[in-house]
Amino acid sequence: MTLCTHLDQIDYDSVDPDAEGCEECLAGGGQWVHLRACQRCGHIGCCDSSPGRHARTHVMDTGHPVIRSYEPGESWFYCYPDDLLFELSGAPPAPTHA
């Protein structure tokens, strides 16, 4: 089993997202498909299926490697550098948008 090598960069105390959608799409009038929350700073960006792909752009611009689904009913994580989708037992409940 392959493990994410960036778990030490998850900062649950700093991740308190409150955006109603993708921050860049909201600012620029764009549309998103699904939302992702940065697990380092709480930035909310849109997924790779969205035209803007703002979650990926945030990762590339900041070096924050791990995102978590910001969708109701989903609690998975994804590490961009390791190209790994995973779940973490003992993680706090996943925040989601309304």
PDB file of N, CA and C in Angstrom:
ATOM      1  N   MET A   1       0.845  -1.175   0.000  1.00  0.00           N
ATOM      2  CA  MET A   1       0.000   0.000   0.000  1.00  0.00           C
ATOM      3  C   MET A   1       0.894   1.244   0.000  1.00  0.00           C
ATOM      4  N   THR A   2       0.623   2.164  -0.886  1.00  0.00           N
ATOM      5  CA  THR A   2       1.372   3.409  -0.987  1.00  0.00           C
ATOM      6  C   THR A   2       0.758   4.442  -0.052  1.00  0.00           C
ATOM      7  N   LEU A   3       1.608   5.160   0.676  1.00  0.00           N
ATOM      8  CA  LEU A   3       1.154   6.181   1.602  1.00  0.00           C
ATOM      9  C   LEU A   3       1.557   7.565   1.105  1.00  0.00           C
ATOM     10  N   CYS A   4       0.744   8.542   1.422  1.00  0.00           N
ATOM     11  CA  CYS A   4       1.059   9.931   1.112  1.00  0.00           C
ATOM     12  C   CYS A   4       2.276  10.340   1.934  1.00  0.00           C
ATOM     13  N   THR A   5       3.246  10.959   1.286  1.00  0.00           N
ATOM     14  CA  THR A   5       4.464  11.396   1.975  1.00  0.00           C
ATOM     15  C   THR A   5       4.355  12.835   2.458  1.00  0.00           C
ATOM     16  N   HIS A   6       3.168  13.430   2.363  1.00  0.00           N
ATOM     17  CA  HIS A   6       2.974  14.829   2.746  1.00  0.00           C
ATOM     18  C   HIS A   6       1.964  15.006   3.882  1.00  0.00           C
ATOM     19  N   LEU A   7       1.687  13.945   4.621  1.00  0.00           N
ATOM     20  CA  LEU A   7       0.715  14.033   5.708  1.00  0.00           C
ATOM     21  C   LEU A   7       1.133  15.053   6.758  1.00  0.00           C
ATOM     22  N   ASP A   8       2.426  15.258   6.918  1.00  0.00           N
ATOM     23  CA  ASP A   8       2.912  16.224   7.905  1.00  0.00           C
ATOM     24  C   ASP A   8       2.576  17.664   7.533  1.00  0.00           C
ATOM     25  N   GLN A   9       2.113  17.887   6.309  1.00  0.00           N
ATOM     26  CA  GLN A   9       1.765  19.233   5.871  1.00  0.00           C
ATOM     27  C   GLN A   9       0.278  19.545   6.015  1.00  0.00           C
ATOM     28  N   ILE A  10      -0.498  18.578   6.487  1.00  0.00           N
ATOM     29  CA  ILE A  10      -1.916  18.826   6.764  1.00  0.00           C
ATOM     30  C   ILE A  10      -1.997  19.582   8.084  1.00  0.00           C
ATOM     31  N   ASP A  11      -2.729  20.685   8.076  1.00  0.00           N
ATOM     32  CA  ASP A  11      -2.849  21.532   9.264  1.00  0.00           C
ATOM     33  C   ASP A  11      -4.332  21.729   9.582  1.00  0.00           C
ATOM     34  N   TYR A  12      -4.900  20.781  10.314  1.00  0.00           N
ATOM     35  CA  TYR A  12      -6.327  20.841  10.616  1.00  0.00           C
ATOM     36  C   TYR A  12      -6.716  22.132  11.334  1.00  0.00           C
ATOM     37  N   ASP A  13      -5.819  22.685  12.133  1.00  0.00           N
ATOM     38  CA  ASP A  13      -6.135  23.912  12.872  1.00  0.00           C
ATOM     39  C   ASP A  13      -6.290  25.124  11.954  1.00  0.00           C
ATOM     40  N   SER A  14      -5.614  25.124  10.811  1.00  0.00           N
ATOM     41  CA  SER A  14      -5.691  26.252   9.872  1.00  0.00           C
ATOM     42  C   SER A  14      -6.767  26.060   8.817  1.00  0.00           C
ATOM     43  N   VAL A  15      -7.297  24.855   8.723  1.00  0.00           N
ATOM     44  CA  VAL A  15      -8.294  24.560   7.691  1.00  0.00           C
ATOM     45  C   VAL A  15      -9.683  24.768   8.275  1.00  0.00           C
ATOM     46  N   ASP A  16     -10.242  25.922   7.989  1.00  0.00           N
ATOM     47  CA  ASP A  16     -11.585  26.260   8.431  1.00  0.00           C
ATOM     48  C   ASP A  16     -12.285  26.986   7.280  1.00  0.00           C
ATOM     49  N   PRO A  17     -12.533  26.250   6.183  1.00  0.00           N
ATOM     50  CA  PRO A  17     -13.088  26.911   5.005  1.00  0.00           C
ATOM     51  C   PRO A  17     -14.497  27.432   5.251  1.00  0.00           C
ATOM     52  N   ASP A  18     -14.774  28.586   4.663  1.00  0.00           N
ATOM     53  CA  ASP A  18     -16.117  29.144   4.792  1.00  0.00           C
ATOM     54  C   ASP A  18     -16.618  29.716   3.472  1.00  0.00           C
ATOM     55  N   ALA A  19     -15.892  29.481   2.402  1.00  0.00           N
ATOM     56  CA  ALA A  19     -16.311  29.996   1.098  1.00  0.00           C
ATOM     57  C   ALA A  19     -17.555  29.253   0.612  1.00  0.00           C
ATOM     58  N   GLU A  20     -18.403  29.970  -0.094  1.00  0.00           N
ATOM     59  CA  GLU A  20     -19.627  29.379  -0.637  1.00  0.00           C
ATOM     60  C   GLU A  20     -19.372  28.672  -1.964  1.00  0.00           C
ATOM     61  N   GLY A  21     -18.152  28.762  -2.448  1.00  0.00           N
ATOM     62  CA  GLY A  21     -17.780  28.136  -3.711  1.00  0.00           C
ATOM     63  C   GLY A  21     -16.317  28.380  -3.988  1.00  0.00           C
ATOM     64  N   CYS A  22     -15.895  28.085  -5.196  1.00  0.00           N
ATOM     65  CA  CYS A  22     -14.507  28.312  -5.597  1.00  0.00           C
ATOM     66  C   CYS A  22     -14.208  29.807  -5.481  1.00  0.00           C
ATOM     67  N   GLU A  23     -13.171  30.132  -4.722  1.00  0.00           N
ATOM     68  CA  GLU A  23     -12.867  31.532  -4.460  1.00  0.00           C
ATOM     69  C   GLU A  23     -12.567  32.311  -5.743  1.00  0.00           C
ATOM     70  N   GLU A  24     -11.801  31.717  -6.662  1.00  0.00           N
ATOM     71  CA  GLU A  24     -11.480  32.406  -7.918  1.00  0.00           C
ATOM     72  C   GLU A  24     -12.694  32.499  -8.845  1.00  0.00           C
ATOM     73  N   CYS A  25     -13.483  31.444  -8.911  1.00  0.00           N
ATOM     74  CA  CYS A  25     -14.688  31.474  -9.753  1.00  0.00           C
ATOM     75  C   CYS A  25     -15.681  32.514  -9.231  1.00  0.00           C
ATOM     76  N   LEU A  26     -15.838  32.583  -7.910  1.00  0.00           N
ATOM     77  CA  LEU A  26     -16.744  33.585  -7.344  1.00  0.00           C
ATOM     78  C   LEU A  26     -16.261  34.997  -7.674  1.00  0.00           C
ATOM     79  N   ALA A  27     -14.961  35.214  -7.592  1.00  0.00           N
ATOM     80  CA  ALA A  27     -14.406  36.547  -7.867  1.00  0.00           C
ATOM     81  C   ALA A  27     -14.501  36.918  -9.339  1.00  0.00           C
ATOM     82  N   GLY A  28     -14.388  35.911 -10.221  1.00  0.00           N
ATOM     83  CA  GLY A  28     -14.365  36.203 -11.651  1.00  0.00           C
ATOM     84  C   GLY A  28     -15.607  35.813 -12.416  1.00  0.00           C
ATOM     85  N   GLY A  29     -16.616  35.305 -11.734  1.00  0.00           N
ATOM     86  CA  GLY A  29     -17.852  34.923 -12.414  1.00  0.00           C
ATOM     87  C   GLY A  29     -17.786  33.581 -13.111  1.00  0.00           C
ATOM     88  N   GLY A  30     -16.841  32.726 -12.725  1.00  0.00           N
ATOM     89  CA  GLY A  30     -16.707  31.413 -13.352  1.00  0.00           C
ATOM     90  C   GLY A  30     -17.655  30.385 -12.762  1.00  0.00           C
ATOM     91  N   GLN A  31     -17.615  29.196 -13.328  1.00  0.00           N
ATOM     92  CA  GLN A  31     -18.454  28.079 -12.896  1.00  0.00           C
ATOM     93  C   GLN A  31     -17.562  26.929 -12.458  1.00  0.00           C
ATOM     94  N   TRP A  32     -18.034  26.148 -11.499  1.00  0.00           N
ATOM     95  CA  TRP A  32     -17.282  24.988 -11.051  1.00  0.00           C
ATOM     96  C   TRP A  32     -18.171  23.762 -11.078  1.00  0.00           C
ATOM     97  N   VAL A  33     -17.514  22.583 -11.039  1.00  0.00           N
ATOM     98  CA  VAL A  33     -18.214  21.308 -11.001  1.00  0.00           C
ATOM     99  C   VAL A  33     -18.240  20.785  -9.565  1.00  0.00           C
ATOM    100  N   HIS A  34     -17.052  20.615  -8.968  1.00  0.00           N
ATOM    101  CA  HIS A  34     -16.919  20.166  -7.578  1.00  0.00           C
ATOM    102  C   HIS A  34     -15.877  21.031  -6.887  1.00  0.00           C
ATOM    103  N   LEU A  35     -15.946  21.051  -5.552  1.00  0.00           N
ATOM    104  CA  LEU A  35     -15.047  21.910  -4.776  1.00  0.00           C
ATOM    105  C   LEU A  35     -14.069  21.085  -3.952  1.00  0.00           C
ATOM    106  N   ARG A  36     -12.874  21.668  -3.750  1.00  0.00           N
ATOM    107  CA  ARG A  36     -11.811  21.039  -2.975  1.00  0.00           C
ATOM    108  C   ARG A  36     -11.263  22.043  -1.970  1.00  0.00           C
ATOM    109  N   ALA A  37     -10.907  21.575  -0.773  1.00  0.00           N
ATOM    110  CA  ALA A  37     -10.360  22.426   0.289  1.00  0.00           C
ATOM    111  C   ALA A  37      -8.882  22.095   0.494  1.00  0.00           C
ATOM    112  N   CYS A  38      -8.035  23.105   0.417  1.00  0.00           N
ATOM    113  CA  CYS A  38      -6.613  22.938   0.701  1.00  0.00           C
ATOM    114  C   CYS A  38      -6.458  22.551   2.167  1.00  0.00           C
ATOM    115  N   GLN A  39      -5.654  21.547   2.423  1.00  0.00           N
ATOM    116  CA  GLN A  39      -5.480  21.063   3.787  1.00  0.00           C
ATOM    117  C   GLN A  39      -4.323  21.727   4.512  1.00  0.00           C
ATOM    118  N   ARG A  40      -3.797  22.768   3.925  1.00  0.00           N
ATOM    119  CA  ARG A  40      -2.763  23.566   4.572  1.00  0.00           C
ATOM    120  C   ARG A  40      -3.314  24.917   5.036  1.00  0.00           C
ATOM    121  N   CYS A  41      -4.183  25.529   4.176  1.00  0.00           N
ATOM    122  CA  CYS A  41      -4.645  26.888   4.491  1.00  0.00           C
ATOM    123  C   CYS A  41      -6.159  27.072   4.406  1.00  0.00           C
ATOM    124  N   GLY A  42      -6.882  26.085   3.879  1.00  0.00           N
ATOM    125  CA  GLY A  42      -8.333  26.187   3.801  1.00  0.00           C
ATOM    126  C   GLY A  42      -8.876  26.823   2.536  1.00  0.00           C
ATOM    127  N   HIS A  43      -8.007  27.168   1.586  1.00  0.00           N
ATOM    128  CA  HIS A  43      -8.466  27.746   0.308  1.00  0.00           C
ATOM    129  C   HIS A  43      -9.444  26.793  -0.366  1.00  0.00           C
ATOM    130  N   ILE A  44     -10.526  27.336  -0.915  1.00  0.00           N
ATOM    131  CA  ILE A  44     -11.501  26.529  -1.647  1.00  0.00           C
ATOM    132  C   ILE A  44     -11.321  26.794  -3.135  1.00  0.00           C
ATOM    133  N   GLY A  45     -11.060  25.733  -3.873  1.00  0.00           N
ATOM    134  CA  GLY A  45     -10.887  25.824  -5.321  1.00  0.00           C
ATOM    135  C   GLY A  45     -11.712  24.767  -6.018  1.00  0.00           C
ATOM    136  N   CYS A  46     -11.848  24.918  -7.315  1.00  0.00           N
ATOM    137  CA  CYS A  46     -12.645  23.966  -8.097  1.00  0.00           C
ATOM    138  C   CYS A  46     -11.773  22.813  -8.602  1.00  0.00           C
ATOM    139  N   CYS A  47     -12.424  21.692  -8.878  1.00  0.00           N
ATOM    140  CA  CYS A  47     -11.753  20.454  -9.263  1.00  0.00           C
ATOM    141  C   CYS A  47     -11.216  20.509 -10.692  1.00  0.00           C
ATOM    142  N   ASP A  48     -10.492  19.475 -11.067  1.00  0.00           N
ATOM    143  CA  ASP A  48      -9.913  19.399 -12.406  1.00  0.00           C
ATOM    144  C   ASP A  48     -10.952  19.222 -13.506  1.00  0.00           C
ATOM    145  N   SER A  49     -12.173  18.853 -13.163  1.00  0.00           N
ATOM    146  CA  SER A  49     -13.249  18.761 -14.160  1.00  0.00           C
ATOM    147  C   SER A  49     -13.889  20.116 -14.421  1.00  0.00           C
ATOM    148  N   SER A  50     -13.545  21.098 -13.610  1.00  0.00           N
ATOM    149  CA  SER A  50     -14.062  22.460 -13.771  1.00  0.00           C
ATOM    150  C   SER A  50     -13.179  23.223 -14.756  1.00  0.00           C
ATOM    151  N   PRO A  51     -13.745  24.189 -15.472  1.00  0.00           N
ATOM    152  CA  PRO A  51     -12.941  24.936 -16.447  1.00  0.00           C
ATOM    153  C   PRO A  51     -11.707  25.612 -15.847  1.00  0.00           C
ATOM    154  N   GLY A  52     -11.817  26.150 -14.637  1.00  0.00           N
ATOM    155  CA  GLY A  52     -10.705  26.898 -14.060  1.00  0.00           C
ATOM    156  C   GLY A  52      -9.639  26.045 -13.386  1.00  0.00           C
ATOM    157  N   ARG A  53      -9.999  24.855 -12.939  1.00  0.00           N
ATOM    158  CA  ARG A  53      -9.059  23.966 -12.238  1.00  0.00           C
ATOM    159  C   ARG A  53      -8.293  24.716 -11.152  1.00  0.00           C
ATOM    160  N   HIS A  54      -9.017  25.511 -10.358  1.00  0.00           N
ATOM    161  CA  HIS A  54      -8.371  26.403  -9.393  1.00  0.00           C
ATOM    162  C   HIS A  54      -7.754  25.686  -8.187  1.00  0.00           C
ATOM    163  N   ALA A  55      -8.239  24.517  -7.811  1.00  0.00           N
ATOM    164  CA  ALA A  55      -7.592  23.776  -6.716  1.00  0.00           C
ATOM    165  C   ALA A  55      -6.178  23.387  -7.138  1.00  0.00           C
ATOM    166  N   ARG A  56      -6.022  22.881  -8.355  1.00  0.00           N
ATOM    167  CA  ARG A  56      -4.696  22.505  -8.872  1.00  0.00           C
ATOM    168  C   ARG A  56      -3.802  23.743  -8.990  1.00  0.00           C
ATOM    169  N   THR A  57      -4.348  24.840  -9.480  1.00  0.00           N
ATOM    170  CA  THR A  57      -3.566  26.068  -9.608  1.00  0.00           C
ATOM    171  C   THR A  57      -3.068  26.522  -8.242  1.00  0.00           C
ATOM    172  N   HIS A  58      -3.924  26.438  -7.228  1.00  0.00           N
ATOM    173  CA  HIS A  58      -3.527  26.811  -5.872  1.00  0.00           C
ATOM    174  C   HIS A  58      -2.357  25.946  -5.401  1.00  0.00           C
ATOM    175  N   VAL A  59      -2.437  24.658  -5.627  1.00  0.00           N
ATOM    176  CA  VAL A  59      -1.361  23.740  -5.228  1.00  0.00           C
ATOM    177  C   VAL A  59      -0.062  24.117  -5.936  1.00  0.00           C
ATOM    178  N   MET A  60      -0.133  24.365  -7.221  1.00  0.00           N
ATOM    179  CA  MET A  60       1.074  24.702  -7.988  1.00  0.00           C
ATOM    180  C   MET A  60       1.658  26.055  -7.556  1.00  0.00           C
ATOM    181  N   ASP A  61       0.799  27.003  -7.245  1.00  0.00           N
ATOM    182  CA  ASP A  61       1.267  28.340  -6.843  1.00  0.00           C
ATOM    183  C   ASP A  61       1.825  28.374  -5.425  1.00  0.00           C
ATOM    184  N   THR A  62       1.284  27.559  -4.528  1.00  0.00           N
ATOM    185  CA  THR A  62       1.656  27.643  -3.112  1.00  0.00           C
ATOM    186  C   THR A  62       2.543  26.507  -2.629  1.00  0.00           C
ATOM    187  N   GLY A  63       2.496  25.379  -3.312  1.00  0.00           N
ATOM    188  CA  GLY A  63       3.215  24.201  -2.836  1.00  0.00           C
ATOM    189  C   GLY A  63       2.462  23.436  -1.763  1.00  0.00           C
ATOM    190  N   HIS A  64       1.221  23.834  -1.478  1.00  0.00           N
ATOM    191  CA  HIS A  64       0.398  23.099  -0.519  1.00  0.00           C
ATOM    192  C   HIS A  64      -0.066  21.819  -1.214  1.00  0.00           C
ATOM    193  N   PRO A  65       0.381  20.640  -0.785  1.00  0.00           N
ATOM    194  CA  PRO A  65       0.205  19.431  -1.588  1.00  0.00           C
ATOM    195  C   PRO A  65      -1.118  18.692  -1.470  1.00  0.00           C
ATOM    196  N   VAL A  66      -1.826  18.822  -0.343  1.00  0.00           N
ATOM    197  CA  VAL A  66      -2.975  17.949  -0.087  1.00  0.00           C
ATOM    198  C   VAL A  66      -4.276  18.747  -0.071  1.00  0.00           C
ATOM    199  N   ILE A  67      -5.262  18.214  -0.786  1.00  0.00           N
ATOM    200  CA  ILE A  67      -6.613  18.791  -0.772  1.00  0.00           C
ATOM    201  C   ILE A  67      -7.571  17.738  -0.227  1.00  0.00           C
ATOM    202  N   ARG A  68      -8.761  18.192   0.132  1.00  0.00           N
ATOM    203  CA  ARG A  68      -9.821  17.286   0.582  1.00  0.00           C
ATOM    204  C   ARG A  68     -11.098  17.691  -0.122  1.00  0.00           C
ATOM    205  N   SER A  69     -11.920  16.711  -0.418  1.00  0.00           N
ATOM    206  CA  SER A  69     -13.198  17.033  -1.039  1.00  0.00           C
ATOM    207  C   SER A  69     -13.983  17.975  -0.135  1.00  0.00           C
ATOM    208  N   TYR A  70     -14.615  18.957  -0.740  1.00  0.00           N
ATOM    209  CA  TYR A  70     -15.461  19.919  -0.023  1.00  0.00           C
ATOM    210  C   TYR A  70     -16.916  19.702  -0.442  1.00  0.00           C
ATOM    211  N   GLU A  71     -17.218  18.461  -0.798  1.00  0.00           N
ATOM    212  CA  GLU A  71     -18.556  18.093  -1.251  1.00  0.00           C
ATOM    213  C   GLU A  71     -19.287  17.319  -0.154  1.00  0.00           C
ATOM    214  N   PRO A  72     -20.585  17.573   0.018  1.00  0.00           N
ATOM    215  CA  PRO A  72     -21.363  16.829   1.020  1.00  0.00           C
ATOM    216  C   PRO A  72     -21.250  15.317   0.799  1.00  0.00           C
ATOM    217  N   GLY A  73     -21.026  14.579   1.891  1.00  0.00           N
ATOM    218  CA  GLY A  73     -20.966  13.124   1.822  1.00  0.00           C
ATOM    219  C   GLY A  73     -19.625  12.561   1.404  1.00  0.00           C
ATOM    220  N   GLU A  74     -18.634  13.400   1.128  1.00  0.00           N
ATOM    221  CA  GLU A  74     -17.309  12.931   0.719  1.00  0.00           C
ATOM    222  C   GLU A  74     -16.277  13.366   1.756  1.00  0.00           C
ATOM    223  N   SER A  75     -15.329  12.474   2.043  1.00  0.00           N
ATOM    224  CA  SER A  75     -14.305  12.825   3.029  1.00  0.00           C
ATOM    225  C   SER A  75     -12.899  12.445   2.576  1.00  0.00           C
ATOM    226  N   TRP A  76     -12.730  12.122   1.297  1.00  0.00           N
ATOM    227  CA  TRP A  76     -11.428  11.693   0.804  1.00  0.00           C
ATOM    228  C   TRP A  76     -10.442  12.861   0.646  1.00  0.00           C
ATOM    229  N   PHE A  77      -9.173  12.497   0.631  1.00  0.00           N
ATOM    230  CA  PHE A  77      -8.063  13.427   0.441  1.00  0.00           C
ATOM    231  C   PHE A  77      -7.371  13.084  -0.878  1.00  0.00           C
ATOM    232  N   TYR A  78      -6.630  14.039  -1.415  1.00  0.00           N
ATOM    233  CA  TYR A  78      -5.806  13.774  -2.598  1.00  0.00           C
ATOM    234  C   TYR A  78      -4.494  14.524  -2.443  1.00  0.00           C
ATOM    235  N   CYS A  79      -3.398  13.818  -2.679  1.00  0.00           N
ATOM    236  CA  CYS A  79      -2.071  14.423  -2.646  1.00  0.00           C
ATOM    237  C   CYS A  79      -1.605  14.587  -4.092  1.00  0.00           C
ATOM    238  N   TYR A  80      -1.411  15.823  -4.524  1.00  0.00           N
ATOM    239  CA  TYR A  80      -0.982  16.088  -5.893  1.00  0.00           C
ATOM    240  C   TYR A  80       0.410  15.553  -6.191  1.00  0.00           C
ATOM    241  N   PRO A  81       1.444  15.836  -5.375  1.00  0.00           N
ATOM    242  CA  PRO A  81       2.778  15.340  -5.720  1.00  0.00           C
ATOM    243  C   PRO A  81       2.863  13.811  -5.759  1.00  0.00           C
ATOM    244  N   ASP A  82       2.147  13.143  -4.853  1.00  0.00           N
ATOM    245  CA  ASP A  82       2.180  11.680  -4.814  1.00  0.00           C
ATOM    246  C   ASP A  82       1.141  11.053  -5.736  1.00  0.00           C
ATOM    247  N   ASP A  83       0.252  11.870  -6.331  1.00  0.00           N
ATOM    248  CA  ASP A  83      -0.826  11.388  -7.197  1.00  0.00           C
ATOM    249  C   ASP A  83      -1.584  10.258  -6.502  1.00  0.00           C
ATOM    250  N   LEU A  84      -2.081  10.574  -5.305  1.00  0.00           N
ATOM    251  CA  LEU A  84      -2.668   9.555  -4.458  1.00  0.00           C
ATOM    252  C   LEU A  84      -3.984  10.026  -3.841  1.00  0.00           C
ATOM    253  N   LEU A  85      -5.034   9.268  -4.059  1.00  0.00           N
ATOM    254  CA  LEU A  85      -6.339   9.489  -3.440  1.00  0.00           C
ATOM    255  C   LEU A  85      -6.407   8.574  -2.216  1.00  0.00           C
ATOM    256  N   PHE A  86      -6.820   9.115  -1.065  1.00  0.00           N
ATOM    257  CA  PHE A  86      -6.824   8.294   0.145  1.00  0.00           C
ATOM    258  C   PHE A  86      -7.826   8.828   1.160  1.00  0.00           C
ATOM    259  N   GLU A  87      -8.096   8.023   2.173  1.00  0.00           N
ATOM    260  CA  GLU A  87      -8.896   8.431   3.322  1.00  0.00           C
ATOM    261  C   GLU A  87      -8.016   8.294   4.556  1.00  0.00           C
ATOM    262  N   LEU A  88      -8.288   9.072   5.583  1.00  0.00           N
ATOM    263  CA  LEU A  88      -7.521   9.037   6.817  1.00  0.00           C
ATOM    264  C   LEU A  88      -8.429   8.686   7.979  1.00  0.00           C
ATOM    265  N   SER A  89      -8.153   7.576   8.624  1.00  0.00           N
ATOM    266  CA  SER A  89      -8.929   7.265   9.820  1.00  0.00           C
ATOM    267  C   SER A  89      -8.467   8.207  10.921  1.00  0.00           C
ATOM    268  N   GLY A  90      -9.408   8.681  11.708  1.00  0.00           N
ATOM    269  CA  GLY A  90      -9.111   9.612  12.789  1.00  0.00           C
ATOM    270  C   GLY A  90      -9.089  11.064  12.367  1.00  0.00           C
ATOM    271  N   ALA A  91      -9.302  11.338  11.077  1.00  0.00           N
ATOM    272  CA  ALA A  91      -9.355  12.735  10.609  1.00  0.00           C
ATOM    273  C   ALA A  91     -10.633  13.377  11.132  1.00  0.00           C
ATOM    274  N   PRO A  92     -10.587  14.688  11.381  1.00  0.00           N
ATOM    275  CA  PRO A  92     -11.829  15.361  11.796  1.00  0.00           C
ATOM    276  C   PRO A  92     -12.869  15.279  10.679  1.00  0.00           C
ATOM    277  N   PRO A  93     -14.144  15.464  11.019  1.00  0.00           N
ATOM    278  CA  PRO A  93     -15.177  15.435   9.986  1.00  0.00           C
ATOM    279  C   PRO A  93     -14.858  16.421   8.868  1.00  0.00           C
ATOM    280  N   ALA A  94     -15.192  16.020   7.666  1.00  0.00           N
ATOM    281  CA  ALA A  94     -14.916  16.851   6.502  1.00  0.00           C
ATOM    282  C   ALA A  94     -15.875  18.037   6.472  1.00  0.00           C
ATOM    283  N   PRO A  95     -15.342  19.259   6.371  1.00  0.00           N
ATOM    284  CA  PRO A  95     -16.221  20.409   6.181  1.00  0.00           C
ATOM    285  C   PRO A  95     -16.765  20.381   4.750  1.00  0.00           C
ATOM    286  N   THR A  96     -17.973  20.870   4.579  1.00  0.00           N
ATOM    287  CA  THR A  96     -18.574  20.921   3.245  1.00  0.00           C
ATOM    288  C   THR A  96     -19.328  22.215   3.069  1.00  0.00           C
ATOM    289  N   HIS A  97     -19.569  22.547   1.819  1.00  0.00           N
ATOM    290  CA  HIS A  97     -20.387  23.729   1.528  1.00  0.00           C
ATOM    291  C   HIS A  97     -21.852  23.325   1.567  1.00  0.00           C
ATOM    292  N   ALA A  98     -22.712  24.297   1.624  1.00  0.00           N
ATOM    293  CA  ALA A  98     -24.148  24.014   1.699  1.00  0.00           C
ATOM    294  C   ALA A  98     -24.707  23.543   0.379  1.00  0.00           C
TER     295      ALA A  98
END
